[in-house]
Amino acid sequence: MKVKPAPGLKVRDPVLKDYLPDEGREVGDFDLYYIRRLRDGDVVLVDEAASVADTKDVE
């Protein structure tokens, strides 16, 4: 799954020891850390179909 920080938040990646980029990062589908962050509203899922469509519009 691909997640990005919720608007106005910075979320630290516990593995890479940095902040999630605003465009999002691919993480494990069963990663309990990110499942909890999703449930708490700290991160949101990135819609892959929308990001691909946006890229095609630019070209």
Protein backbone atom coordinates (compact mmCIF):
# COMPACT_ATOMS: atom_id res chain seq x y z
CA MET A 1 0.00 0.00 0.00
CA LYS A 2 1.12 3.56 -0.57
CA VAL A 3 0.55 6.10 2.18
CA LYS A 4 1.22 9.80 2.64
CA PRO A 5 0.95 12.06 5.68
CA ALA A 6 -2.47 13.54 6.41
CA PRO A 7 -2.67 17.27 5.60
CA GLY A 8 -0.68 19.35 8.07
CA LEU A 9 1.18 16.41 9.63
CA LYS A 10 4.69 14.98 9.49
CA VAL A 11 4.93 11.24 10.05
CA ARG A 12 8.24 9.57 10.80
CA ASP A 13 9.14 6.33 9.03
CA PRO A 14 10.42 3.98 11.76
CA VAL A 15 12.54 1.94 9.32
CA LEU A 16 14.23 4.69 7.30
CA LYS A 17 14.32 7.17 10.21
CA ASP A 18 13.02 10.05 8.09
CA TYR A 19 9.67 11.69 7.40
CA LEU A 20 7.24 10.35 4.84
CA PRO A 21 7.39 12.49 1.71
CA ASP A 22 4.28 14.50 0.79
CA GLU A 23 3.85 12.42 -2.38
CA GLY A 24 3.77 9.23 -0.30
CA ARG A 25 5.80 6.06 0.09
CA GLU A 26 5.17 2.39 -0.58
CA VAL A 27 4.97 0.41 2.69
CA GLY A 28 4.05 -3.16 3.55
CA ASP A 29 0.36 -4.06 3.33
CA PHE A 30 0.48 -5.72 6.75
CA ASP A 31 2.80 -3.25 8.52
CA LEU A 32 1.17 -2.76 11.92
CA TYR A 33 2.77 0.67 12.39
CA TYR A 34 1.07 2.05 9.27
CA ILE A 35 -2.18 0.22 9.92
CA ARG A 36 -2.33 2.05 13.27
CA ARG A 37 -1.39 5.37 11.61
CA LEU A 38 -4.23 4.86 9.10
CA ARG A 39 -6.71 4.07 11.86
CA ASP A 40 -5.62 7.15 13.84
CA GLY A 41 -5.85 9.40 10.77
CA ASP A 42 -2.14 10.31 10.75
CA VAL A 43 -1.67 8.97 7.20
CA VAL A 44 -3.98 8.51 4.22
CA LEU A 45 -3.88 6.02 1.37
CA VAL A 46 -2.58 7.31 -1.96
CA ASP A 47 -4.92 6.54 -4.84
CA GLU A 48 -2.60 4.99 -7.44
CA ALA A 49 -5.13 5.34 -10.27
CA ALA A 50 -5.45 9.09 -9.70
CA SER A 51 -1.69 9.62 -9.60
CA VAL A 52 -1.24 7.68 -12.86
CA ALA A 53 -4.01 9.72 -14.51
CA ASP A 54 -2.39 12.96 -13.34
CA THR A 55 0.93 11.87 -14.83
CA LYS A 56 -0.67 11.10 -18.19
CA ASP A 57 -2.30 14.54 -18.29
CA VAL A 58 1.10 16.21 -17.92
CA GLU A 59 2.59 14.46 -20.96
